[in-house]
PDB file of N, CA and C in Angstrom:
ATOM      1  N   MET A   1      25.116  -8.711  -0.137  1.00  0.00           N
ATOM      2  CA  MET A   1      24.017  -9.320   0.594  1.00  0.00           C
ATOM      3  C   MET A   1      22.953  -8.266   0.859  1.00  0.00           C
ATOM      4  N   SER A   2      21.726  -8.658   0.704  1.00  0.00           N
ATOM      5  CA  SER A   2      20.599  -7.750   0.916  1.00  0.00           C
ATOM      6  C   SER A   2      20.372  -7.542   2.408  1.00  0.00           C
ATOM      7  N   ARG A   3      19.863  -6.370   2.741  1.00  0.00           N
ATOM      8  CA  ARG A   3      19.622  -6.112   4.161  1.00  0.00           C
ATOM      9  C   ARG A   3      18.297  -6.699   4.624  1.00  0.00           C
ATOM     10  N   PHE A   4      17.457  -7.152   3.668  1.00  0.00           N
ATOM     11  CA  PHE A   4      16.175  -7.756   4.018  1.00  0.00           C
ATOM     12  C   PHE A   4      16.264  -9.266   3.914  1.00  0.00           C
ATOM     13  N   THR A   5      15.382  -9.940   4.631  1.00  0.00           N
ATOM     14  CA  THR A   5      15.379 -11.393   4.666  1.00  0.00           C
ATOM     15  C   THR A   5      14.784 -11.957   3.379  1.00  0.00           C
ATOM     16  N   PRO A   6      15.041 -13.223   3.096  1.00  0.00           N
ATOM     17  CA  PRO A   6      14.427 -13.846   1.907  1.00  0.00           C
ATOM     18  C   PRO A   6      12.898 -13.828   1.958  1.00  0.00           C
ATOM     19  N   GLN A   7      12.325 -13.908   3.163  1.00  0.00           N
ATOM     20  CA  GLN A   7      10.872 -13.861   3.289  1.00  0.00           C
ATOM     21  C   GLN A   7      10.321 -12.527   2.803  1.00  0.00           C
ATOM     22  N   TYR A   8      11.064 -11.441   3.039  1.00  0.00           N
ATOM     23  CA  TYR A   8      10.646 -10.118   2.590  1.00  0.00           C
ATOM     24  C   TYR A   8      10.624 -10.070   1.067  1.00  0.00           C
ATOM     25  N   HIS A   9      11.626 -10.639   0.428  1.00  0.00           N
ATOM     26  CA  HIS A   9      11.683 -10.644  -1.028  1.00  0.00           C
ATOM     27  C   HIS A   9      10.576 -11.518  -1.630  1.00  0.00           C
ATOM     28  N   VAL A  10      10.237 -12.608  -0.951  1.00  0.00           N
ATOM     29  CA  VAL A  10       9.125 -13.440  -1.407  1.00  0.00           C
ATOM     30  C   VAL A  10       7.829 -12.649  -1.340  1.00  0.00           C
ATOM     31  N   ALA A  11       7.635 -11.881  -0.260  1.00  0.00           N
ATOM     32  CA  ALA A  11       6.431 -11.058  -0.127  1.00  0.00           C
ATOM     33  C   ALA A  11       6.361 -10.025  -1.249  1.00  0.00           C
ATOM     34  N   CYS A  12       7.493  -9.453  -1.623  1.00  0.00           N
ATOM     35  CA  CYS A  12       7.529  -8.486  -2.733  1.00  0.00           C
ATOM     36  C   CYS A  12       7.148  -9.147  -4.052  1.00  0.00           C
ATOM     37  N   GLN A  13       7.618 -10.368  -4.275  1.00  0.00           N
ATOM     38  CA  GLN A  13       7.270 -11.085  -5.500  1.00  0.00           C
ATOM     39  C   GLN A  13       5.781 -11.416  -5.537  1.00  0.00           C
ATOM     40  N   ILE A  14       5.206 -11.763  -4.381  1.00  0.00           N
ATOM     41  CA  ILE A  14       3.770 -12.038  -4.318  1.00  0.00           C
ATOM     42  C   ILE A  14       2.992 -10.767  -4.645  1.00  0.00           C
ATOM     43  N   GLN A  15       3.457  -9.621  -4.148  1.00  0.00           N
ATOM     44  CA  GLN A  15       2.774  -8.365  -4.451  1.00  0.00           C
ATOM     45  C   GLN A  15       2.851  -8.043  -5.940  1.00  0.00           C
ATOM     46  N   LYS A  16       3.976  -8.331  -6.577  1.00  0.00           N
ATOM     47  CA  LYS A  16       4.083  -8.105  -8.019  1.00  0.00           C
ATOM     48  C   LYS A  16       3.083  -8.967  -8.782  1.00  0.00           C
ATOM     49  N   LYS A  17       2.884 -10.204  -8.329  1.00  0.00           N
ATOM     50  CA  LYS A  17       1.918 -11.080  -8.978  1.00  0.00           C
ATOM     51  C   LYS A  17       0.489 -10.589  -8.754  1.00  0.00           C
ATOM     52  N   ILE A  18       0.216 -10.046  -7.575  1.00  0.00           N
ATOM     53  CA  ILE A  18      -1.109  -9.480  -7.310  1.00  0.00           C
ATOM     54  C   ILE A  18      -1.365  -8.301  -8.234  1.00  0.00           C
ATOM     55  N   LEU A  19      -0.369  -7.431  -8.384  1.00  0.00           N
ATOM     56  CA  LEU A  19      -0.526  -6.287  -9.287  1.00  0.00           C
ATOM     57  C   LEU A  19      -0.759  -6.747 -10.721  1.00  0.00           C
ATOM     58  N   ALA A  20      -0.022  -7.752 -11.152  1.00  0.00           N
ATOM     59  CA  ALA A  20      -0.192  -8.250 -12.515  1.00  0.00           C
ATOM     60  C   ALA A  20      -1.590  -8.820 -12.707  1.00  0.00           C
ATOM     61  N   LYS A  21      -2.109  -9.507 -11.708  1.00  0.00           N
ATOM     62  CA  LYS A  21      -3.449 -10.077 -11.798  1.00  0.00           C
ATOM     63  C   LYS A  21      -4.504  -8.977 -11.839  1.00  0.00           C
ATOM     64  N   MET A  22      -4.248  -7.864 -11.140  1.00  0.00           N
ATOM     65  CA  MET A  22      -5.183  -6.740 -11.134  1.00  0.00           C
ATOM     66  C   MET A  22      -5.077  -5.914 -12.410  1.00  0.00           C
ATOM     67  N   GLY A  23      -4.062  -6.167 -13.214  1.00  0.00           N
ATOM     68  CA  GLY A  23      -3.914  -5.450 -14.469  1.00  0.00           C
ATOM     69  C   GLY A  23      -3.140  -4.161 -14.341  1.00  0.00           C
ATOM     70  N   ILE A  24      -2.268  -4.064 -13.348  1.00  0.00           N
ATOM     71  CA  ILE A  24      -1.473  -2.854 -13.133  1.00  0.00           C
ATOM     72  C   ILE A  24      -0.016  -3.185 -13.422  1.00  0.00           C
ATOM     73  N   ARG A  25       0.618  -2.353 -14.224  1.00  0.00           N
ATOM     74  CA  ARG A  25       2.031  -2.524 -14.558  1.00  0.00           C
ATOM     75  C   ARG A  25       2.790  -1.275 -14.139  1.00  0.00           C
ATOM     76  N   PHE A  26       4.059  -1.426 -13.836  1.00  0.00           N
ATOM     77  CA  PHE A  26       4.893  -0.283 -13.474  1.00  0.00           C
ATOM     78  C   PHE A  26       5.861   0.001 -14.605  1.00  0.00           C
ATOM     79  N   ALA A  27       5.977   1.289 -14.946  1.00  0.00           N
ATOM     80  CA  ALA A  27       6.995   1.696 -15.909  1.00  0.00           C
ATOM     81  C   ALA A  27       8.341   1.541 -15.220  1.00  0.00           C
ATOM     82  N   GLN A  28       9.269   0.905 -15.866  1.00  0.00           N
ATOM     83  CA  GLN A  28      10.552   0.591 -15.230  1.00  0.00           C
ATOM     84  C   GLN A  28      11.355   1.840 -14.884  1.00  0.00           C
ATOM     85  N   ALA A  29      11.274   2.890 -15.702  1.00  0.00           N
ATOM     86  CA  ALA A  29      12.121   4.055 -15.501  1.00  0.00           C
ATOM     87  C   ALA A  29      11.746   4.838 -14.239  1.00  0.00           C
ATOM     88  N   ASN A  30      10.487   5.178 -14.087  1.00  0.00           N
ATOM     89  CA  ASN A  30      10.130   6.047 -12.957  1.00  0.00           C
ATOM     90  C   ASN A  30       9.124   5.419 -12.006  1.00  0.00           C
ATOM     91  N   ARG A  31       8.836   4.150 -12.158  1.00  0.00           N
ATOM     92  CA  ARG A  31       7.983   3.396 -11.232  1.00  0.00           C
ATOM     93  C   ARG A  31       6.591   4.006 -11.084  1.00  0.00           C
ATOM     94  N   VAL A  32       6.018   4.484 -12.189  1.00  0.00           N
ATOM     95  CA  VAL A  32       4.670   5.032 -12.183  1.00  0.00           C
ATOM     96  C   VAL A  32       3.702   3.928 -12.579  1.00  0.00           C
ATOM     97  N   PRO A  33       2.633   3.693 -11.790  1.00  0.00           N
ATOM     98  CA  PRO A  33       1.712   2.623 -12.155  1.00  0.00           C
ATOM     99  C   PRO A  33       0.922   2.979 -13.408  1.00  0.00           C
ATOM    100  N   LYS A  34       0.778   1.988 -14.292  1.00  0.00           N
ATOM    101  CA  LYS A  34      -0.004   2.165 -15.509  1.00  0.00           C
ATOM    102  C   LYS A  34      -0.981   1.005 -15.616  1.00  0.00           C
ATOM    103  N   SER A  35      -2.198   1.318 -15.978  1.00  0.00           N
ATOM    104  CA  SER A  35      -3.201   0.280 -16.151  1.00  0.00           C
ATOM    105  C   SER A  35      -2.883  -0.502 -17.416  1.00  0.00           C
ATOM    106  N   ALA A  36      -3.075  -1.790 -17.330  1.00  0.00           N
ATOM    107  CA  ALA A  36      -2.798  -2.637 -18.487  1.00  0.00           C
ATOM    108  C   ALA A  36      -3.933  -2.589 -19.491  1.00  0.00           C
ATOM    109  N   GLY A  37      -5.045  -1.962 -19.144  1.00  0.00           N
ATOM    110  CA  GLY A  37      -6.157  -1.843 -20.074  1.00  0.00           C
ATOM    111  C   GLY A  37      -7.378  -2.597 -19.586  1.00  0.00           C
ATOM    112  N   PRO A  38      -8.390  -2.674 -20.432  1.00  0.00           N
ATOM    113  CA  PRO A  38      -9.647  -3.297 -20.019  1.00  0.00           C
ATOM    114  C   PRO A  38      -9.624  -4.822 -20.065  1.00  0.00           C
ATOM    115  N   ASP A  39      -8.471  -5.434 -20.212  1.00  0.00           N
ATOM    116  CA  ASP A  39      -8.406  -6.893 -20.280  1.00  0.00           C
ATOM    117  C   ASP A  39      -8.453  -7.546 -18.898  1.00  0.00           C
ATOM    118  N   CYS A  40      -8.688  -6.781 -17.860  1.00  0.00           N
ATOM    119  CA  CYS A  40      -8.823  -7.327 -16.507  1.00  0.00           C
ATOM    120  C   CYS A  40     -10.259  -7.858 -16.372  1.00  0.00           C
ATOM    121  N   ASP A  41     -10.415  -9.171 -16.331  1.00  0.00           N
ATOM    122  CA  ASP A  41     -11.745  -9.771 -16.305  1.00  0.00           C
ATOM    123  C   ASP A  41     -12.158 -10.212 -14.904  1.00  0.00           C
ATOM    124  N   LEU A  42     -11.666  -9.537 -13.879  1.00  0.00           N
ATOM    125  CA  LEU A  42     -11.984  -9.893 -12.505  1.00  0.00           C
ATOM    126  C   LEU A  42     -13.254  -9.173 -12.056  1.00  0.00           C
ATOM    127  N   SER A  43     -14.011  -9.845 -11.212  1.00  0.00           N
ATOM    128  CA  SER A  43     -15.209  -9.223 -10.654  1.00  0.00           C
ATOM    129  C   SER A  43     -14.788  -8.265  -9.532  1.00  0.00           C
ATOM    130  N   PRO A  44     -15.680  -7.359  -9.137  1.00  0.00           N
ATOM    131  CA  PRO A  44     -15.344  -6.459  -8.021  1.00  0.00           C
ATOM    132  C   PRO A  44     -15.002  -7.213  -6.738  1.00  0.00           C
ATOM    133  N   LYS A  45     -15.645  -8.361  -6.519  1.00  0.00           N
ATOM    134  CA  LYS A  45     -15.343  -9.159  -5.329  1.00  0.00           C
ATOM    135  C   LYS A  45     -13.908  -9.669  -5.381  1.00  0.00           C
ATOM    136  N   ASP A  46     -13.494 -10.148  -6.563  1.00  0.00           N
ATOM    137  CA  ASP A  46     -12.122 -10.648  -6.713  1.00  0.00           C
ATOM    138  C   ASP A  46     -11.102  -9.531  -6.507  1.00  0.00           C
ATOM    139  N   LEU A  47     -11.409  -8.348  -7.039  1.00  0.00           N
ATOM    140  CA  LEU A  47     -10.512  -7.206  -6.847  1.00  0.00           C
ATOM    141  C   LEU A  47     -10.415  -6.829  -5.371  1.00  0.00           C
ATOM    142  N   ALA A  48     -11.550  -6.914  -4.651  1.00  0.00           N
ATOM    143  CA  ALA A  48     -11.533  -6.603  -3.219  1.00  0.00           C
ATOM    144  C   ALA A  48     -10.684  -7.606  -2.446  1.00  0.00           C
ATOM    145  N   VAL A  49     -10.762  -8.873  -2.825  1.00  0.00           N
ATOM    146  CA  VAL A  49      -9.954  -9.907  -2.171  1.00  0.00           C
ATOM    147  C   VAL A  49      -8.470  -9.655  -2.433  1.00  0.00           C
ATOM    148  N   LEU A  50      -8.125  -9.302  -3.680  1.00  0.00           N
ATOM    149  CA  LEU A  50      -6.724  -9.014  -4.001  1.00  0.00           C
ATOM    150  C   LEU A  50      -6.225  -7.786  -3.245  1.00  0.00           C
ATOM    151  N   ALA A  51      -7.084  -6.763  -3.122  1.00  0.00           N
ATOM    152  CA  ALA A  51      -6.681  -5.571  -2.371  1.00  0.00           C
ATOM    153  C   ALA A  51      -6.469  -5.899  -0.894  1.00  0.00           C
ATOM    154  N   GLY A  52      -7.310  -6.749  -0.332  1.00  0.00           N
ATOM    155  CA  GLY A  52      -7.122  -7.178   1.056  1.00  0.00           C
ATOM    156  C   GLY A  52      -5.842  -7.977   1.231  1.00  0.00           C
ATOM    157  N   SER A  53      -5.538  -8.806   0.241  1.00  0.00           N
ATOM    158  CA  SER A  53      -4.289  -9.575   0.289  1.00  0.00           C
ATOM    159  C   SER A  53      -3.084  -8.650   0.232  1.00  0.00           C
ATOM    160  N   TRP A  54      -3.175  -7.634  -0.625  1.00  0.00           N
ATOM    161  CA  TRP A  54      -2.102  -6.646  -0.727  1.00  0.00           C
ATOM    162  C   TRP A  54      -1.862  -5.996   0.643  1.00  0.00           C
ATOM    163  N   ASN A  55      -2.949  -5.611   1.310  1.00  0.00           N
ATOM    164  CA  ASN A  55      -2.845  -4.953   2.606  1.00  0.00           C
ATOM    165  C   ASN A  55      -2.212  -5.879   3.643  1.00  0.00           C
ATOM    166  N   THR A  56      -2.597  -7.135   3.641  1.00  0.00           N
ATOM    167  CA  THR A  56      -2.023  -8.098   4.586  1.00  0.00           C
ATOM    168  C   THR A  56      -0.530  -8.288   4.335  1.00  0.00           C
ATOM    169  N   ILE A  57      -0.141  -8.375   3.072  1.00  0.00           N
ATOM    170  CA  ILE A  57       1.278  -8.551   2.752  1.00  0.00           C
ATOM    171  C   ILE A  57       2.076  -7.314   3.152  1.00  0.00           C
ATOM    172  N   GLU A  58       1.517  -6.116   2.951  1.00  0.00           N
ATOM    173  CA  GLU A  58       2.205  -4.897   3.389  1.00  0.00           C
ATOM    174  C   GLU A  58       2.442  -4.922   4.895  1.00  0.00           C
ATOM    175  N   GLU A  59       1.444  -5.393   5.652  1.00  0.00           N
ATOM    176  CA  GLU A  59       1.596  -5.481   7.109  1.00  0.00           C
ATOM    177  C   GLU A  59       2.687  -6.478   7.476  1.00  0.00           C
ATOM    178  N   ARG A  60       2.741  -7.613   6.788  1.00  0.00           N
ATOM    179  CA  ARG A  60       3.785  -8.609   7.055  1.00  0.00           C
ATOM    180  C   ARG A  60       5.163  -8.076   6.698  1.00  0.00           C
ATOM    181  N   LYS A  61       5.253  -7.309   5.616  1.00  0.00           N
ATOM    182  CA  LYS A  61       6.536  -6.720   5.241  1.00  0.00           C
ATOM    183  C   LYS A  61       7.004  -5.733   6.313  1.00  0.00           C
ATOM    184  N   ARG A  62       6.060  -4.975   6.890  1.00  0.00           N
ATOM    185  CA  ARG A  62       6.425  -4.051   7.969  1.00  0.00           C
ATOM    186  C   ARG A  62       6.997  -4.832   9.153  1.00  0.00           C
ATOM    187  N   ILE A  63       6.388  -5.958   9.464  1.00  0.00           N
ATOM    188  CA  ILE A  63       6.865  -6.784  10.575  1.00  0.00           C
ATOM    189  C   ILE A  63       8.242  -7.354  10.254  1.00  0.00           C
ATOM    190  N   LEU A  64       8.440  -7.816   9.012  1.00  0.00           N
ATOM    191  CA  LEU A  64       9.747  -8.368   8.629  1.00  0.00           C
ATOM    192  C   LEU A  64      10.841  -7.305   8.652  1.00  0.00           C
ATOM    193  N   ARG A  65      10.478  -6.040   8.373  1.00  0.00           N
ATOM    194  CA  ARG A  65      11.454  -4.958   8.440  1.00  0.00           C
ATOM    195  C   ARG A  65      11.693  -4.502   9.879  1.00  0.00           C
ATOM    196  N   MET A  66      10.923  -5.061  10.816  1.00  0.00           N
ATOM    197  CA  MET A  66      11.009  -4.734  12.247  1.00  0.00           C
ATOM    198  C   MET A  66      10.696  -3.267  12.510  1.00  0.00           C
ATOM    199  N   LYS A  67       9.699  -2.757  11.834  1.00  0.00           N
ATOM    200  CA  LYS A  67       9.243  -1.388  12.040  1.00  0.00           C
ATOM    201  C   LYS A  67       8.047  -1.413  12.982  1.00  0.00           C
ATOM    202  N   PRO A  68       7.914  -0.406  13.847  1.00  0.00           N
ATOM    203  CA  PRO A  68       6.771  -0.388  14.757  1.00  0.00           C
ATOM    204  C   PRO A  68       5.475  -0.045  14.016  1.00  0.00           C
ATOM    205  N   LYS A  69       4.377  -0.438  14.621  1.00  0.00           N
ATOM    206  CA  LYS A  69       3.073  -0.113  14.061  1.00  0.00           C
ATOM    207  C   LYS A  69       2.860   1.395  14.152  1.00  0.00           C
ATOM    208  N   PRO A  70       2.275   2.005  13.132  1.00  0.00           N
ATOM    209  CA  PRO A  70       2.009   3.446  13.222  1.00  0.00           C
ATOM    210  C   PRO A  70       1.077   3.751  14.384  1.00  0.00           C
ATOM    211  N   ARG A  71       1.311   4.886  14.999  1.00  0.00           N
ATOM    212  CA  ARG A  71       0.502   5.273  16.143  1.00  0.00           C
ATOM    213  C   ARG A  71      -0.938   5.506  15.720  1.00  0.00           C
ATOM    214  N   ASP A  72      -1.879   5.115  16.574  1.00  0.00           N
ATOM    215  CA  ASP A  72      -3.276   5.391  16.298  1.00  0.00           C
ATOM    216  C   ASP A  72      -3.519   6.885  16.384  1.00  0.00           C
ATOM    217  N   GLN A  73      -4.461   7.345  15.597  1.00  0.00           N
ATOM    218  CA  GLN A  73      -4.741   8.770  15.564  1.00  0.00           C
ATOM    219  C   GLN A  73      -5.519   9.170  16.814  1.00  0.00           C
ATOM    220  N   GLU A  74      -5.166  10.328  17.364  1.00  0.00           N
ATOM    221  CA  GLU A  74      -5.847  10.831  18.545  1.00  0.00           C
ATOM    222  C   GLU A  74      -7.256  11.279  18.173  1.00  0.00           C
ATOM    223  N   VAL A  75      -8.209  10.884  18.992  1.00  0.00           N
ATOM    224  CA  VAL A  75      -9.590  11.302  18.776  1.00  0.00           C
ATOM    225  C   VAL A  75      -9.939  12.295  19.869  1.00  0.00           C
ATOM    226  N   THR A  76     -10.333  13.508  19.466  1.00  0.00           N
ATOM    227  CA  THR A  76     -10.701  14.528  20.440  1.00  0.00           C
ATOM    228  C   THR A  76     -12.130  14.980  20.180  1.00  0.00           C
ATOM    229  N   ASP A  77     -12.714  15.589  21.186  1.00  0.00           N
ATOM    230  CA  ASP A  77     -14.057  16.129  21.049  1.00  0.00           C
ATOM    231  C   ASP A  77     -13.985  17.382  20.182  1.00  0.00           C
ATOM    232  N   ASN A  78     -14.781  17.434  19.133  1.00  0.00           N
ATOM    233  CA  ASN A  78     -14.722  18.546  18.196  1.00  0.00           C
ATOM    234  C   ASN A  78     -15.095  19.878  18.823  1.00  0.00           C
ATOM    235  N   LYS A  79     -15.906  19.868  19.860  1.00  0.00           N
ATOM    236  CA  LYS A  79     -16.314  21.120  20.493  1.00  0.00           C
ATOM    237  C   LYS A  79     -15.150  21.765  21.241  1.00  0.00           C
ATOM    238  N   LYS A  80     -14.286  20.945  21.809  1.00  0.00           N
ATOM    239  CA  LYS A  80     -13.182  21.474  22.600  1.00  0.00           C
ATOM    240  C   LYS A  80     -11.961  21.802  21.741  1.00  0.00           C
ATOM    241  N   ALA A  81     -11.737  21.024  20.715  1.00  0.00           N
ATOM    242  CA  ALA A  81     -10.544  21.222  19.886  1.00  0.00           C
ATOM    243  C   ALA A  81     -10.819  22.296  18.852  1.00  0.00           C
ATOM    244  N   LYS A  82      -9.950  23.275  18.776  1.00  0.00           N
ATOM    245  CA  LYS A  82     -10.073  24.335  17.808  1.00  0.00           C
ATOM    246  C   LYS A  82      -9.197  23.991  16.596  1.00  0.00           C
ATOM    247  N   VAL A  83      -9.788  24.065  15.429  1.00  0.00           N
ATOM    248  CA  VAL A  83      -9.067  23.719  14.215  1.00  0.00           C
ATOM    249  C   VAL A  83      -8.173  24.879  13.844  1.00  0.00           C
ATOM    250  N   GLN A  84      -6.889  24.580  13.655  1.00  0.00           N
ATOM    251  CA  GLN A  84      -5.937  25.594  13.261  1.00  0.00           C
ATOM    252  C   GLN A  84      -5.987  25.764  11.746  1.00  0.00           C
ATOM    253  N   ARG A  85      -6.046  26.993  11.279  1.00  0.00           N
ATOM    254  CA  ARG A  85      -6.051  27.255   9.834  1.00  0.00           C
ATOM    255  C   ARG A  85      -4.618  27.472   9.386  1.00  0.00           C
ATOM    256  N   ALA A  86      -4.326  26.939   8.224  1.00  0.00           N
ATOM    257  CA  ALA A  86      -3.007  27.115   7.646  1.00  0.00           C
ATOM    258  C   ALA A  86      -2.885  28.540   7.112  1.00  0.00           C
ATOM    259  N   VAL A  87      -1.776  29.192   7.403  1.00  0.00           N
ATOM    260  CA  VAL A  87      -1.553  30.556   6.967  1.00  0.00           C
ATOM    261  C   VAL A  87      -0.331  30.556   6.064  1.00  0.00           C
ATOM    262  N   PHE A  88      -0.472  31.169   4.888  1.00  0.00           N
ATOM    263  CA  PHE A  88       0.639  31.239   3.959  1.00  0.00           C
ATOM    264  C   PHE A  88       1.069  32.696   3.809  1.00  0.00           C
ATOM    265  N   THR A  89       2.322  32.972   4.065  1.00  0.00           N
ATOM    266  CA  THR A  89       2.870  34.331   3.894  1.00  0.00           C
ATOM    267  C   THR A  89       4.154  34.223   3.105  1.00  0.00           C
ATOM    268  N   GLU A  90       4.405  35.256   2.318  1.00  0.00           N
ATOM    269  CA  GLU A  90       5.660  35.287   1.562  1.00  0.00           C
ATOM    270  C   GLU A  90       6.614  36.297   2.167  1.00  0.00           C
TER     271      GLU A  90
END
């Protein structure tokens, strides 16, 4: 039995269909996205709608997995906050 609900698996199938419509395929071995080529005849508006749908489905999947929303990023005044530089030593 899967640890995720059937609704979660349906959301995953919808995302696969969105990717196929956008012309993106995944290599089965290492799950690297590959473009299907220039045969994607969607307008930029249609692609934007599909990307928004993808984002909404990802949010629903997070809710179905019962994961908390990521914390909002802290906003500080740039004058007061000193930026720490990364230091690399061997």
